[in-house]
Amino acid sequence: MSYRRGISERYASVFTSEGDESEVGNKWGWYGIIHSLADGDLLKMDAVTLIYIEEALTFLAYEKDVGMSDKINIDANSRRYK
């Protein structure tokens, strides 16, 4: 149980949406993570489950950070041109 709690704490950004827990995430749990890693392709879902959990969560955390950074840059640029 402590390993699970540690994973949840280290990768909290993957399990939350902008600081709040996602309603979809609460309902679907790990399925949503597997779905995301498989890029929504049912045929890739088995392959995703073979990846070590920390590798998968690190990838998702990185993707989320890059997405947030891109959004911040887009927002900053749109304000600059108003």
PDB file of N, CA and C in Angstrom:
ATOM      1  N   MET A   1       0.815  -1.190   0.000  1.00  0.00           N
ATOM      2  CA  MET A   1       0.000   0.000   0.000  1.00  0.00           C
ATOM      3  C   MET A   1       0.865   1.263   0.000  1.00  0.00           C
ATOM      4  N   SER A   2       2.001   1.249   0.692  1.00  0.00           N
ATOM      5  CA  SER A   2       2.846   2.446   0.739  1.00  0.00           C
ATOM      6  C   SER A   2       3.458   2.747  -0.632  1.00  0.00           C
ATOM      7  N   TYR A   3       3.758   1.701  -1.422  1.00  0.00           N
ATOM      8  CA  TYR A   3       4.279   1.914  -2.778  1.00  0.00           C
ATOM      9  C   TYR A   3       3.234   2.642  -3.613  1.00  0.00           C
ATOM     10  N   ARG A   4       1.989   2.206  -3.509  1.00  0.00           N
ATOM     11  CA  ARG A   4       0.894   2.829  -4.256  1.00  0.00           C
ATOM     12  C   ARG A   4       0.725   4.289  -3.845  1.00  0.00           C
ATOM     13  N   ARG A   5       0.791   4.554  -2.550  1.00  0.00           N
ATOM     14  CA  ARG A   5       0.659   5.927  -2.063  1.00  0.00           C
ATOM     15  C   ARG A   5       1.818   6.777  -2.587  1.00  0.00           C
ATOM     16  N   GLY A   6       3.029   6.200  -2.592  1.00  0.00           N
ATOM     17  CA  GLY A   6       4.199   6.909  -3.105  1.00  0.00           C
ATOM     18  C   GLY A   6       4.057   7.254  -4.570  1.00  0.00           C
ATOM     19  N   ILE A   7       3.551   6.310  -5.356  1.00  0.00           N
ATOM     20  CA  ILE A   7       3.310   6.542  -6.788  1.00  0.00           C
ATOM     21  C   ILE A   7       2.304   7.683  -6.949  1.00  0.00           C
ATOM     22  N   SER A   8       1.223   7.624  -6.200  1.00  0.00           N
ATOM     23  CA  SER A   8       0.181   8.655  -6.299  1.00  0.00           C
ATOM     24  C   SER A   8       0.725  10.028  -5.950  1.00  0.00           C
ATOM     25  N   GLU A   9       1.621  10.091  -4.964  1.00  0.00           N
ATOM     26  CA  GLU A   9       2.185  11.376  -4.565  1.00  0.00           C
ATOM     27  C   GLU A   9       3.223  11.875  -5.564  1.00  0.00           C
ATOM     28  N   ARG A  10       4.105  10.981  -6.034  1.00  0.00           N
ATOM     29  CA  ARG A  10       5.158  11.402  -6.973  1.00  0.00           C
ATOM     30  C   ARG A  10       4.592  11.838  -8.315  1.00  0.00           C
ATOM     31  N   TYR A  11       3.519  11.223  -8.728  1.00  0.00           N
ATOM     32  CA  TYR A  11       2.937  11.523 -10.041  1.00  0.00           C
ATOM     33  C   TYR A  11       1.547  12.152  -9.898  1.00  0.00           C
ATOM     34  N   ALA A  12       1.376  12.975  -8.880  1.00  0.00           N
ATOM     35  CA  ALA A  12       0.074  13.602  -8.616  1.00  0.00           C
ATOM     36  C   ALA A  12      -0.439  14.382  -9.823  1.00  0.00           C
ATOM     37  N   SER A  13       0.470  14.991 -10.575  1.00  0.00           N
ATOM     38  CA  SER A  13       0.037  15.788 -11.726  1.00  0.00           C
ATOM     39  C   SER A  13      -0.638  14.940 -12.797  1.00  0.00           C
ATOM     40  N   VAL A  14      -0.289  13.671 -12.862  1.00  0.00           N
ATOM     41  CA  VAL A  14      -0.902  12.774 -13.849  1.00  0.00           C
ATOM     42  C   VAL A  14      -2.329  12.431 -13.428  1.00  0.00           C
ATOM     43  N   PHE A  15      -2.547  12.348 -12.119  1.00  0.00           N
ATOM     44  CA  PHE A  15      -3.843  11.920 -11.614  1.00  0.00           C
ATOM     45  C   PHE A  15      -4.801  13.065 -11.347  1.00  0.00           C
ATOM     46  N   THR A  16      -4.366  14.300 -11.550  1.00  0.00           N
ATOM     47  CA  THR A  16      -5.228  15.455 -11.306  1.00  0.00           C
ATOM     48  C   THR A  16      -5.294  16.317 -12.554  1.00  0.00           C
ATOM     49  N   SER A  17      -6.298  17.148 -12.584  1.00  0.00           N
ATOM     50  CA  SER A  17      -6.483  18.063 -13.708  1.00  0.00           C
ATOM     51  C   SER A  17      -6.445  19.487 -13.178  1.00  0.00           C
ATOM     52  N   GLU A  18      -5.339  20.185 -13.424  1.00  0.00           N
ATOM     53  CA  GLU A  18      -5.142  21.567 -12.984  1.00  0.00           C
ATOM     54  C   GLU A  18      -5.472  21.741 -11.515  1.00  0.00           C
ATOM     55  N   GLY A  19      -4.930  20.846 -10.683  1.00  0.00           N
ATOM     56  CA  GLY A  19      -5.084  20.969  -9.240  1.00  0.00           C
ATOM     57  C   GLY A  19      -6.317  20.291  -8.673  1.00  0.00           C
ATOM     58  N   ASP A  20      -7.298  19.979  -9.485  1.00  0.00           N
ATOM     59  CA  ASP A  20      -8.508  19.312  -9.002  1.00  0.00           C
ATOM     60  C   ASP A  20      -8.583  17.914  -9.590  1.00  0.00           C
ATOM     61  N   GLU A  21      -9.150  16.998  -8.831  1.00  0.00           N
ATOM     62  CA  GLU A  21      -9.285  15.645  -9.346  1.00  0.00           C
ATOM     63  C   GLU A  21     -10.318  15.629 -10.461  1.00  0.00           C
ATOM     64  N   SER A  22      -9.994  14.935 -11.518  1.00  0.00           N
ATOM     65  CA  SER A  22     -10.866  14.840 -12.674  1.00  0.00           C
ATOM     66  C   SER A  22     -12.012  13.870 -12.397  1.00  0.00           C
ATOM     67  N   GLU A  23     -13.214  14.263 -12.788  1.00  0.00           N
ATOM     68  CA  GLU A  23     -14.374  13.397 -12.621  1.00  0.00           C
ATOM     69  C   GLU A  23     -14.212  12.117 -13.445  1.00  0.00           C
ATOM     70  N   VAL A  24     -13.720  12.262 -14.663  1.00  0.00           N
ATOM     71  CA  VAL A  24     -13.490  11.092 -15.525  1.00  0.00           C
ATOM     72  C   VAL A  24     -12.409  10.208 -14.913  1.00  0.00           C
ATOM     73  N   GLY A  25     -11.334  10.834 -14.412  1.00  0.00           N
ATOM     74  CA  GLY A  25     -10.254  10.078 -13.786  1.00  0.00           C
ATOM     75  C   GLY A  25     -10.735   9.283 -12.587  1.00  0.00           C
ATOM     76  N   ASN A  26     -11.609   9.887 -11.794  1.00  0.00           N
ATOM     77  CA  ASN A  26     -12.154   9.186 -10.632  1.00  0.00           C
ATOM     78  C   ASN A  26     -13.001   7.997 -11.049  1.00  0.00           C
ATOM     79  N   LYS A  27     -13.745   8.145 -12.120  1.00  0.00           N
ATOM     80  CA  LYS A  27     -14.629   7.070 -12.559  1.00  0.00           C
ATOM     81  C   LYS A  27     -13.855   5.935 -13.215  1.00  0.00           C
ATOM     82  N   TRP A  28     -12.882   6.253 -14.074  1.00  0.00           N
ATOM     83  CA  TRP A  28     -12.230   5.237 -14.885  1.00  0.00           C
ATOM     84  C   TRP A  28     -10.853   4.811 -14.376  1.00  0.00           C
ATOM     85  N   GLY A  29     -10.260   5.586 -13.498  1.00  0.00           N
ATOM     86  CA  GLY A  29      -8.981   5.209 -12.889  1.00  0.00           C
ATOM     87  C   GLY A  29      -7.889   4.887 -13.897  1.00  0.00           C
ATOM     88  N   TRP A  30      -7.273   3.722 -13.725  1.00  0.00           N
ATOM     89  CA  TRP A  30      -6.134   3.318 -14.554  1.00  0.00           C
ATOM     90  C   TRP A  30      -6.492   3.153 -16.023  1.00  0.00           C
ATOM     91  N   TYR A  31      -7.750   2.857 -16.317  1.00  0.00           N
ATOM     92  CA  TYR A  31      -8.146   2.676 -17.720  1.00  0.00           C
ATOM     93  C   TYR A  31      -7.855   3.947 -18.518  1.00  0.00           C
ATOM     94  N   GLY A  32      -8.102   5.096 -17.933  1.00  0.00           N
ATOM     95  CA  GLY A  32      -7.841   6.362 -18.619  1.00  0.00           C
ATOM     96  C   GLY A  32      -6.363   6.553 -18.930  1.00  0.00           C
ATOM     97  N   ILE A  33      -5.507   6.119 -18.013  1.00  0.00           N
ATOM     98  CA  ILE A  33      -4.064   6.226 -18.233  1.00  0.00           C
ATOM     99  C   ILE A  33      -3.640   5.292 -19.352  1.00  0.00           C
ATOM    100  N   ILE A  34      -4.131   4.066 -19.322  1.00  0.00           N
ATOM    101  CA  ILE A  34      -3.810   3.098 -20.382  1.00  0.00           C
ATOM    102  C   ILE A  34      -4.326   3.606 -21.721  1.00  0.00           C
ATOM    103  N   HIS A  35      -5.530   4.123 -21.732  1.00  0.00           N
ATOM    104  CA  HIS A  35      -6.131   4.667 -22.956  1.00  0.00           C
ATOM    105  C   HIS A  35      -5.281   5.797 -23.519  1.00  0.00           C
ATOM    106  N   SER A  36      -4.826   6.680 -22.650  1.00  0.00           N
ATOM    107  CA  SER A  36      -3.997   7.810 -23.081  1.00  0.00           C
ATOM    108  C   SER A  36      -2.674   7.334 -23.672  1.00  0.00           C
ATOM    109  N   LEU A  37      -2.015   6.401 -22.991  1.00  0.00           N
ATOM    110  CA  LEU A  37      -0.734   5.890 -23.485  1.00  0.00           C
ATOM    111  C   LEU A  37      -0.878   5.144 -24.809  1.00  0.00           C
ATOM    112  N   ALA A  38      -2.030   4.512 -24.998  1.00  0.00           N
ATOM    113  CA  ALA A  38      -2.280   3.781 -26.245  1.00  0.00           C
ATOM    114  C   ALA A  38      -2.810   4.703 -27.334  1.00  0.00           C
ATOM    115  N   ASP A  39      -2.891   5.992 -27.033  1.00  0.00           N
ATOM    116  CA  ASP A  39      -3.397   6.991 -27.974  1.00  0.00           C
ATOM    117  C   ASP A  39      -4.796   6.630 -28.472  1.00  0.00           C
ATOM    118  N   GLY A  40      -5.587   6.047 -27.552  1.00  0.00           N
ATOM    119  CA  GLY A  40      -6.964   5.710 -27.882  1.00  0.00           C
ATOM    120  C   GLY A  40      -7.129   4.502 -28.798  1.00  0.00           C
ATOM    121  N   ASP A  41      -6.043   3.798 -29.061  1.00  0.00           N
ATOM    122  CA  ASP A  41      -6.081   2.645 -29.970  1.00  0.00           C
ATOM    123  C   ASP A  41      -6.207   1.358 -29.157  1.00  0.00           C
ATOM    124  N   LEU A  42      -7.353   0.726 -29.239  1.00  0.00           N
ATOM    125  CA  LEU A  42      -7.625  -0.505 -28.494  1.00  0.00           C
ATOM    126  C   LEU A  42      -6.574  -1.580 -28.763  1.00  0.00           C
ATOM    127  N   LEU A  43      -6.064  -1.634 -29.988  1.00  0.00           N
ATOM    128  CA  LEU A  43      -5.092  -2.663 -30.351  1.00  0.00           C
ATOM    129  C   LEU A  43      -3.727  -2.442 -29.701  1.00  0.00           C
ATOM    130  N   LYS A  44      -3.476  -1.240 -29.188  1.00  0.00           N
ATOM    131  CA  LYS A  44      -2.201  -0.941 -28.532  1.00  0.00           C
ATOM    132  C   LYS A  44      -2.272  -1.088 -27.012  1.00  0.00           C
ATOM    133  N   MET A  45      -3.455  -1.291 -26.478  1.00  0.00           N
ATOM    134  CA  MET A  45      -3.629  -1.291 -25.031  1.00  0.00           C
ATOM    135  C   MET A  45      -2.886  -2.440 -24.346  1.00  0.00           C
ATOM    136  N   ASP A  46      -2.844  -3.598 -24.945  1.00  0.00           N
ATOM    137  CA  ASP A  46      -2.085  -4.706 -24.348  1.00  0.00           C
ATOM    138  C   ASP A  46      -0.605  -4.369 -24.269  1.00  0.00           C
ATOM    139  N   ALA A  47      -0.065  -3.750 -25.303  1.00  0.00           N
ATOM    140  CA  ALA A  47       1.351  -3.384 -25.306  1.00  0.00           C
ATOM    141  C   ALA A  47       1.641  -2.365 -24.200  1.00  0.00           C
ATOM    142  N   VAL A  48       0.728  -1.446 -23.971  1.00  0.00           N
ATOM    143  CA  VAL A  48       0.910  -0.428 -22.939  1.00  0.00           C
ATOM    144  C   VAL A  48       1.011  -1.076 -21.559  1.00  0.00           C
ATOM    145  N   THR A  49       0.240  -2.121 -21.321  1.00  0.00           N
ATOM    146  CA  THR A  49       0.248  -2.747 -19.997  1.00  0.00           C
ATOM    147  C   THR A  49       1.562  -3.477 -19.704  1.00  0.00           C
ATOM    148  N   LEU A  50       2.416  -3.646 -20.699  1.00  0.00           N
ATOM    149  CA  LEU A  50       3.719  -4.290 -20.490  1.00  0.00           C
ATOM    150  C   LEU A  50       4.796  -3.298 -20.057  1.00  0.00           C
ATOM    151  N   ILE A  51       4.510  -2.001 -20.139  1.00  0.00           N
ATOM    152  CA  ILE A  51       5.466  -0.957 -19.774  1.00  0.00           C
ATOM    153  C   ILE A  51       5.487  -0.834 -18.252  1.00  0.00           C
ATOM    154  N   TYR A  52       6.685  -0.650 -17.689  1.00  0.00           N
ATOM    155  CA  TYR A  52       6.790  -0.419 -16.238  1.00  0.00           C
ATOM    156  C   TYR A  52       6.002   0.823 -15.865  1.00  0.00           C
ATOM    157  N   ILE A  53       5.286   0.750 -14.747  1.00  0.00           N
ATOM    158  CA  ILE A  53       4.368   1.814 -14.349  1.00  0.00           C
ATOM    159  C   ILE A  53       5.073   3.160 -14.175  1.00  0.00           C
ATOM    160  N   GLU A  54       6.253   3.151 -13.579  1.00  0.00           N
ATOM    161  CA  GLU A  54       6.935   4.428 -13.369  1.00  0.00           C
ATOM    162  C   GLU A  54       7.414   5.037 -14.682  1.00  0.00           C
ATOM    163  N   GLU A  55       7.775   4.210 -15.637  1.00  0.00           N
ATOM    164  CA  GLU A  55       8.152   4.716 -16.958  1.00  0.00           C
ATOM    165  C   GLU A  55       6.948   5.355 -17.638  1.00  0.00           C
ATOM    166  N   ALA A  56       5.805   4.703 -17.548  1.00  0.00           N
ATOM    167  CA  ALA A  56       4.587   5.222 -18.168  1.00  0.00           C
ATOM    168  C   ALA A  56       4.157   6.531 -17.511  1.00  0.00           C
ATOM    169  N   LEU A  57       4.205   6.584 -16.189  1.00  0.00           N
ATOM    170  CA  LEU A  57       3.780   7.788 -15.477  1.00  0.00           C
ATOM    171  C   LEU A  57       4.742   8.944 -15.690  1.00  0.00           C
ATOM    172  N   THR A  58       6.037   8.649 -15.787  1.00  0.00           N
ATOM    173  CA  THR A  58       7.013   9.704 -16.095  1.00  0.00           C
ATOM    174  C   THR A  58       6.727  10.292 -17.468  1.00  0.00           C
ATOM    175  N   PHE A  59       6.445   9.434 -18.433  1.00  0.00           N
ATOM    176  CA  PHE A  59       6.103   9.889 -19.784  1.00  0.00           C
ATOM    177  C   PHE A  59       4.871  10.783 -19.762  1.00  0.00           C
ATOM    178  N   LEU A  60       3.825  10.343 -19.058  1.00  0.00           N
ATOM    179  CA  LEU A  60       2.599  11.137 -19.000  1.00  0.00           C
ATOM    180  C   LEU A  60       2.810  12.466 -18.276  1.00  0.00           C
ATOM    181  N   ALA A  61       3.598  12.457 -17.201  1.00  0.00           N
ATOM    182  CA  ALA A  61       3.886  13.696 -16.482  1.00  0.00           C
ATOM    183  C   ALA A  61       4.630  14.669 -17.389  1.00  0.00           C
ATOM    184  N   TYR A  62       5.591  14.159 -18.144  1.00  0.00           N
ATOM    185  CA  TYR A  62       6.337  15.000 -19.083  1.00  0.00           C
ATOM    186  C   TYR A  62       5.397  15.581 -20.144  1.00  0.00           C
ATOM    187  N   GLU A  63       4.567  14.731 -20.725  1.00  0.00           N
ATOM    188  CA  GLU A  63       3.619  15.191 -21.751  1.00  0.00           C
ATOM    189  C   GLU A  63       2.700  16.278 -21.194  1.00  0.00           C
ATOM    190  N   LYS A  64       2.251  16.092 -19.972  1.00  0.00           N
ATOM    191  CA  LYS A  64       1.359  17.080 -19.362  1.00  0.00           C
ATOM    192  C   LYS A  64       2.099  18.398 -19.145  1.00  0.00           C
ATOM    193  N   ASP A  65       3.345  18.335 -18.661  1.00  0.00           N
ATOM    194  CA  ASP A  65       4.134  19.552 -18.465  1.00  0.00           C
ATOM    195  C   ASP A  65       4.383  20.283 -19.779  1.00  0.00           C
ATOM    196  N   VAL A  66       4.699  19.551 -20.822  1.00  0.00           N
ATOM    197  CA  VAL A  66       4.920  20.161 -22.142  1.00  0.00           C
ATOM    198  C   VAL A  66       3.632  20.817 -22.630  1.00  0.00           C
ATOM    199  N   GLY A  67       2.513  20.138 -22.455  1.00  0.00           N
ATOM    200  CA  GLY A  67       1.231  20.706 -22.865  1.00  0.00           C
ATOM    201  C   GLY A  67       0.896  21.975 -22.110  1.00  0.00           C
ATOM    202  N   MET A  68       1.170  21.981 -20.802  1.00  0.00           N
ATOM    203  CA  MET A  68       0.913  23.174 -19.992  1.00  0.00           C
ATOM    204  C   MET A  68       1.831  24.315 -20.419  1.00  0.00           C
ATOM    205  N   SER A  69       3.095  24.007 -20.689  1.00  0.00           N
ATOM    206  CA  SER A  69       4.051  25.013 -21.131  1.00  0.00           C
ATOM    207  C   SER A  69       3.615  25.621 -22.460  1.00  0.00           C
ATOM    208  N   ASP A  70       3.185  24.762 -23.384  1.00  0.00           N
ATOM    209  CA  ASP A  70       2.703  25.245 -24.679  1.00  0.00           C
ATOM    210  C   ASP A  70       1.486  26.150 -24.499  1.00  0.00           C
ATOM    211  N   LYS A  71       0.571  25.766 -23.612  1.00  0.00           N
ATOM    212  CA  LYS A  71      -0.630  26.566 -23.371  1.00  0.00           C
ATOM    213  C   LYS A  71      -0.256  27.924 -22.788  1.00  0.00           C
ATOM    214  N   ILE A  72       0.678  27.931 -21.854  1.00  0.00           N
ATOM    215  CA  ILE A  72       1.117  29.194 -21.256  1.00  0.00           C
ATOM    216  C   ILE A  72       1.737  30.095 -22.314  1.00  0.00           C
ATOM    217  N   ASN A  73       2.561  29.522 -23.190  1.00  0.00           N
ATOM    218  CA  ASN A  73       3.187  30.307 -24.254  1.00  0.00           C
ATOM    219  C   ASN A  73       2.152  30.856 -25.232  1.00  0.00           C
ATOM    220  N   ILE A  74       1.164  30.053 -25.566  1.00  0.00           N
ATOM    221  CA  ILE A  74       0.108  30.501 -26.480  1.00  0.00           C
ATOM    222  C   ILE A  74      -0.698  31.617 -25.836  1.00  0.00           C
ATOM    223  N   ASP A  75      -1.051  31.446 -24.541  1.00  0.00           N
ATOM    224  CA  ASP A  75      -1.808  32.489 -23.836  1.00  0.00           C
ATOM    225  C   ASP A  75      -1.017  33.784 -23.756  1.00  0.00           C
ATOM    226  N   ALA A  76       0.279  33.674 -23.467  1.00  0.00           N
ATOM    227  CA  ALA A  76       1.124  34.872 -23.361  1.00  0.00           C
ATOM    228  C   ALA A  76       1.219  35.580 -24.712  1.00  0.00           C
ATOM    229  N   ASN A  77       1.364  34.812 -25.781  1.00  0.00           N
ATOM    230  CA  ASN A  77       1.448  35.405 -27.118  1.00  0.00           C
ATOM    231  C   ASN A  77       0.131  36.045 -27.534  1.00  0.00           C
ATOM    232  N   SER A  78      -0.992  35.414 -27.176  1.00  0.00           N
ATOM    233  CA  SER A  78      -2.280  35.997 -27.572  1.00  0.00           C
ATOM    234  C   SER A  78      -2.543  37.294 -26.830  1.00  0.00           C
ATOM    235  N   ARG A  79      -2.102  37.419 -25.587  1.00  0.00           N
ATOM    236  CA  ARG A  79      -2.258  38.677 -24.850  1.00  0.00           C
ATOM    237  C   ARG A  79      -1.377  39.773 -25.426  1.00  0.00           C
ATOM    238  N   ARG A  80      -0.228  39.384 -25.908  1.00  0.00           N
ATOM    239  CA  ARG A  80       0.729  40.345 -26.450  1.00  0.00           C
ATOM    240  C   ARG A  80       0.174  41.000 -27.723  1.00  0.00           C
ATOM    241  N   TYR A  81      -0.618  40.275 -28.502  1.00  0.00           N
ATOM    242  CA  TYR A  81      -1.115  40.785 -29.780  1.00  0.00           C
ATOM    243  C   TYR A  81      -2.504  41.391 -29.708  1.00  0.00           C
ATOM    244  N   LYS A  82      -3.021  41.586 -28.514  1.00  0.00           N
ATOM    245  CA  LYS A  82      -4.354  42.195 -28.375  1.00  0.00           C
ATOM    246  C   LYS A  82      -4.259  43.684 -28.407  1.00  0.00           C
TER     247      LYS A  82
END
